[in-house]
Amino acid sequence: MSQHAVELAQGAKQLGVALTEQQQEKLLGYMALLNKWNKAYNLTAVRDPNEMVSRHLLDSLSIVSFIDGQRWLDVGSGGGMPGVMLAIMFPEREFTLLDSNGKKTRFLTQVKNELGLGNLQVVNSRVEAFEPGQPFDGITSRAFASLADFTHLTRHLGTTQTRWLAMKGVYPDEELAAMPVDFELESSAQLQVPGCVGSRHLLILRRMNQG
């Protein structure tokens, strides 16, 4: 077992996430693709593969227990975090990864094809121009925008039943105060990500009326 495989297995166990052998294989396969494409496409500021397990794989897996509902959107998906990891963990659910950067969506399409992720759809579009056939059950973002921009730009993609999951570093009091008036904080959680130094928080938001 490689060093990265051991770190991933131990970290997932600490998070309470059960990985099958196939899931572990796909997660490490994704990391290898990310490392390879990053040299040319600048997908992530994390250059060292030894940091990718904790800062990308485990960080994304830290929200697994908060995922329910069938249809999810990962907005501003970039290199595919957390969307790719969630698609690997929940093969029975549908994940749409949206980004306006063509290089990044080309990479995500390659990931989908190489890892055989039939439940993953890649969309190259600006979020405000994206018009899916039906609203999503959940919308995730990781380092995409402020909470005000995240909720404002995606409001047309959800309903009062949708949950917006924003992954943040330090608890964003000022961002919460600046959110649109029809959004509220349903709950928040401090995430303990093995190997990650610094504060990590998940904020779960809801829209209060359909207006």
Protein backbone atom coordinates (compact mmCIF):
# COMPACT_ATOMS: atom_id res chain seq x y z
CA MET A 1 0.00 0.00 0.00
CA SER A 2 1.43 3.39 -0.98
CA GLN A 3 1.98 6.20 1.51
CA HIS A 4 -0.93 8.14 -0.03
CA ALA A 5 -3.24 5.11 0.16
CA VAL A 6 -2.40 4.64 3.86
CA GLU A 7 -2.94 8.34 4.59
CA LEU A 8 -6.27 8.29 2.74
CA ALA A 9 -7.49 5.13 4.50
CA GLN A 10 -6.50 6.38 7.95
CA GLY A 11 -7.90 9.87 7.33
CA ALA A 12 -11.23 8.54 6.04
CA LYS A 13 -11.49 6.31 9.12
CA GLN A 14 -10.93 9.34 11.38
CA LEU A 15 -13.71 11.14 9.51
CA GLY A 16 -16.03 8.15 9.97
CA VAL A 17 -16.17 7.58 6.21
CA ALA A 18 -16.15 3.96 5.06
CA LEU A 19 -14.27 3.49 1.78
CA THR A 20 -14.59 0.46 -0.46
CA GLU A 21 -11.47 -0.72 -2.27
CA GLN A 22 -12.90 0.63 -5.54
CA GLN A 23 -13.65 4.05 -4.01
CA GLN A 24 -10.13 4.28 -2.61
CA GLU A 25 -8.73 3.35 -6.02
CA LYS A 26 -10.81 6.03 -7.76
CA LEU A 27 -9.93 8.72 -5.22
CA LEU A 28 -6.22 8.05 -5.68
CA GLY A 29 -6.74 7.86 -9.46
CA TYR A 30 -8.34 11.31 -9.34
CA MET A 31 -5.38 12.65 -7.35
CA ALA A 32 -2.92 11.25 -9.90
CA LEU A 33 -4.85 12.95 -12.73
CA LEU A 34 -5.00 16.22 -10.78
CA ASN A 35 -1.26 16.14 -10.19
CA LYS A 36 -0.54 15.35 -13.85
CA TRP A 37 -2.87 17.99 -15.36
CA ASN A 38 -2.00 20.62 -12.76
CA LYS A 39 1.43 21.11 -14.30
CA ALA A 40 -0.13 22.52 -17.49
CA TYR A 41 -3.59 23.68 -16.41
CA ASN A 42 -2.99 25.31 -13.01
CA LEU A 43 -5.98 23.57 -11.41
CA THR A 44 -4.89 24.01 -7.80
CA ALA A 45 -2.31 26.02 -5.88
CA VAL A 46 -1.36 22.83 -4.04
CA ARG A 47 1.63 21.54 -6.01
CA ASP A 48 2.90 18.88 -3.64
CA PRO A 49 1.12 15.52 -4.05
CA ASN A 50 1.91 14.82 -0.39
CA GLU A 51 -0.42 17.66 0.57
CA MET A 52 -3.21 16.67 -1.82
CA VAL A 53 -4.56 13.78 0.28
CA SER A 54 -5.43 15.99 3.23
CA ARG A 55 -6.12 19.31 1.50
CA HIS A 56 -8.22 17.93 -1.35
CA LEU A 57 -9.38 14.34 -0.80
CA LEU A 58 -9.99 14.35 2.95
CA ASP A 59 -11.22 17.95 2.97
CA SER A 60 -13.88 17.00 0.40
CA LEU A 61 -14.76 13.77 2.22
CA SER A 62 -15.34 15.74 5.45
CA ILE A 63 -18.82 16.75 4.22
CA VAL A 64 -19.98 13.24 3.19
CA SER A 65 -22.34 12.87 6.16
CA PHE A 66 -24.19 16.07 5.13
CA ILE A 67 -25.13 14.85 1.64
CA ASP A 68 -28.71 13.73 1.08
CA GLY A 69 -31.12 14.14 -1.81
CA GLN A 70 -30.63 12.85 -5.33
CA ARG A 71 -29.41 15.77 -7.47
CA TRP A 72 -26.42 17.91 -6.53
CA LEU A 73 -24.60 20.82 -8.12
CA ASP A 74 -20.97 21.71 -7.34
CA VAL A 75 -20.66 25.33 -8.44
CA GLY A 76 -17.29 26.84 -9.39
CA SER A 77 -16.01 23.29 -9.22
CA GLY A 78 -12.53 24.17 -10.52
CA GLY A 79 -10.39 21.05 -10.12
CA GLY A 80 -13.43 19.09 -8.97
CA MET A 81 -13.51 19.59 -5.22
CA PRO A 82 -15.70 18.43 -3.56
CA GLY A 83 -17.83 17.29 -6.55
CA VAL A 84 -15.62 14.49 -7.88
CA MET A 85 -15.09 12.99 -4.42
CA LEU A 86 -18.83 13.09 -3.72
CA ALA A 87 -19.62 11.44 -7.07
CA ILE A 88 -17.17 8.64 -6.19
CA MET A 89 -18.73 8.20 -2.74
CA PHE A 90 -22.37 8.27 -3.92
CA PRO A 91 -22.62 6.41 -7.26
CA GLU A 92 -26.43 6.26 -6.89
CA ARG A 93 -26.76 10.08 -6.83
CA GLU A 94 -26.28 12.60 -9.63
CA PHE A 95 -23.63 15.32 -9.50
CA THR A 96 -23.29 18.25 -11.90
CA LEU A 97 -19.94 20.05 -11.80
CA LEU A 98 -20.13 23.58 -13.18
CA ASP A 99 -17.27 25.92 -14.03
CA SER A 100 -16.85 28.78 -16.52
CA ASN A 101 -13.18 27.94 -17.17
CA GLY A 102 -12.85 25.71 -20.25
CA LYS A 103 -9.49 24.23 -19.18
CA LYS A 104 -10.97 23.14 -15.88
CA THR A 105 -14.06 21.57 -17.43
CA ARG A 106 -11.85 19.73 -19.95
CA PHE A 107 -9.94 18.27 -17.01
CA LEU A 108 -13.20 17.31 -15.25
CA THR A 109 -14.47 15.61 -18.41
CA GLN A 110 -11.23 13.62 -18.55
CA VAL A 111 -11.71 12.61 -14.89
CA LYS A 112 -15.29 11.50 -15.61
CA ASN A 113 -14.16 9.38 -18.56
CA GLU A 114 -11.03 7.86 -17.01
CA LEU A 115 -12.68 7.00 -13.69
CA GLY A 116 -15.94 5.84 -15.29
CA LEU A 117 -18.15 8.23 -13.31
CA GLY A 118 -21.48 7.81 -15.09
CA ASN A 119 -23.28 9.82 -12.37
CA LEU A 120 -21.20 12.94 -13.05
CA GLN A 121 -22.08 15.65 -15.55
CA VAL A 122 -19.67 18.47 -16.47
CA VAL A 123 -21.03 21.87 -17.54
CA ASN A 124 -18.88 24.69 -18.94
CA SER A 125 -20.95 27.80 -18.21
CA ARG A 126 -21.20 30.89 -16.09
CA VAL A 127 -23.46 30.05 -13.17
CA GLU A 128 -25.94 32.87 -13.88
CA ALA A 129 -26.43 31.56 -17.45
CA PHE A 130 -26.94 27.93 -16.42
CA GLU A 131 -30.54 26.73 -16.85
CA PRO A 132 -31.01 23.09 -15.80
CA GLY A 133 -34.28 21.26 -16.46
CA GLN A 134 -35.15 21.09 -12.76
CA PRO A 135 -33.88 22.51 -9.46
CA PHE A 136 -31.18 20.77 -7.43
CA ASP A 137 -31.63 19.13 -4.03
CA GLY A 138 -28.29 20.48 -2.90
CA ILE A 139 -25.65 22.97 -4.07
CA THR A 140 -22.04 22.89 -2.84
CA SER A 141 -19.23 25.40 -3.10
CA ARG A 142 -15.65 25.33 -1.91
CA ALA A 143 -13.72 28.58 -2.14
CA PHE A 144 -16.09 29.75 -4.89
CA ALA A 145 -17.31 33.15 -3.68
CA SER A 146 -18.66 35.05 -0.70
CA LEU A 147 -21.87 33.67 0.81
CA ALA A 148 -23.77 36.65 -0.65
CA ASP A 149 -22.51 35.92 -4.17
CA PHE A 150 -22.89 32.14 -3.77
CA THR A 151 -26.56 32.41 -2.78
CA HIS A 152 -27.42 35.26 -5.16
CA LEU A 153 -25.86 33.63 -8.23
CA THR A 154 -27.41 30.21 -7.59
CA ARG A 155 -30.86 31.16 -6.27
CA HIS A 156 -32.48 30.23 -9.62
CA LEU A 157 -31.03 26.70 -9.32
CA GLY A 158 -32.81 25.75 -6.09
CA THR A 159 -36.06 26.00 -4.14
CA THR A 160 -37.00 26.31 -0.47
CA GLN A 161 -36.30 22.55 -0.25
CA THR A 162 -32.71 22.93 -1.52
CA ARG A 163 -29.76 22.99 0.88
CA TRP A 164 -26.78 25.21 0.07
CA LEU A 165 -23.52 23.81 1.52
CA ALA A 166 -20.67 26.32 1.69
CA MET A 167 -17.22 25.07 2.66
CA LYS A 168 -15.23 27.80 4.39
CA GLY A 169 -12.06 28.28 6.42
CA VAL A 170 -12.60 30.53 9.45
CA TYR A 171 -16.21 31.10 10.49
CA PRO A 172 -17.46 33.88 8.16
CA ASP A 173 -19.47 36.17 10.45
CA GLU A 174 -19.24 39.17 8.12
CA GLU A 175 -20.27 37.13 5.06
CA LEU A 176 -23.28 35.76 6.93
CA ALA A 177 -24.39 39.28 7.83
CA ALA A 178 -24.23 40.27 4.14
CA MET A 179 -26.36 37.39 2.80
CA PRO A 180 -29.61 38.11 0.92
CA VAL A 181 -32.52 38.58 3.34
CA ASP A 182 -34.40 35.54 2.04
CA PHE A 183 -31.56 33.14 2.95
CA GLU A 184 -30.89 31.87 6.45
CA LEU A 185 -28.24 29.79 8.17
CA GLU A 186 -29.84 26.43 8.97
CA SER A 187 -26.81 25.00 10.74
CA SER A 188 -23.02 25.00 10.76
CA ALA A 189 -20.34 22.49 11.63
CA GLN A 190 -16.68 22.79 12.47
CA LEU A 191 -14.87 20.22 10.33
CA GLN A 192 -11.88 18.34 11.67
CA VAL A 193 -9.88 17.35 8.60
CA PRO A 194 -6.97 14.96 9.32
CA GLY A 195 -3.68 16.53 8.25
CA CYS A 196 -5.18 19.99 7.66
CA VAL A 197 -3.85 22.87 9.71
CA GLY A 198 -6.26 25.74 10.19
CA SER A 199 -9.95 26.19 10.70
CA ARG A 200 -12.55 24.50 8.46
CA HIS A 201 -16.30 25.13 8.60
CA LEU A 202 -19.36 23.97 6.72
CA LEU A 203 -22.35 26.29 6.55
CA ILE A 204 -25.75 24.91 5.55
CA LEU A 205 -28.07 27.55 4.16
CA ARG A 206 -31.71 27.55 3.12
CA ARG A 207 -33.93 29.90 1.17
CA MET A 208 -36.97 30.96 3.16
CA ASN A 209 -39.40 31.86 0.39
CA GLN A 210 -39.83 31.22 -3.30
CA GLY A 211 -40.26 34.93 -4.23
